[in-house]
């Protein structure tokens, strides 16, 4: 949080999911964001303060320029591989076929936070915030819900641009395909981090933190 403040961004944890949806719709219309993944959208499933949160980042002018969401699941007797249909197509019984061929999906169970819908306003994409926000989100989820795992699914082209690495993940496996998905033909990597790795990653990040940069990129 302090690192974000040094970059002129004040973070706030929120549970008003309708505001996240409204922000997303505005920015999608401007071409600055992709539509929300269905598990974060109340139009597709039950999303409220009991199972979701989001973090907003506000600049010094009071504008929301950063967002990150977390969706909580409890799978004591199943795994992500078994629950993947509910992740990709929440609330849809008759959905297109999909494929899960990453072994890591079978090892994710218990209390799980799906971290996603990460967004930065175009003017704030050169300040290192992609390394900050996912870590804040993971620590918040662990502190409040005692998560066993934090996971996400990231498009192939973003993984190839080292986005998953910037988020702090080292366990990255391709093997989730969802052709014909409403968001397009999805070719995704599953990224995951157990709670045992979460704090060591945070300590390493803080120790290696770069110099403060408050400037905003000029469009």
Foldseek 3Di string as FASTA:
>chain_A
DVLVVLQQKDKDKAFPLVVVQVVQVVCVVVVFFAHDQQVSDVVQHDGTPVFKIKMFIAGPVRDTFWMKMKGKDAFAPAWQVVCVCCRRRNNDDDADDKWADWPVRRVHHGIEIEIDPTGGGPQPPPFLVLLPVLLVVVVVCCVPPVHFKYKYKDAPVVVVVVSCVSPPFDDKAWGIWDDPRPSHTGGIIMTMDGPVCSVVSVVVCVVPPDDRDRDTDDD
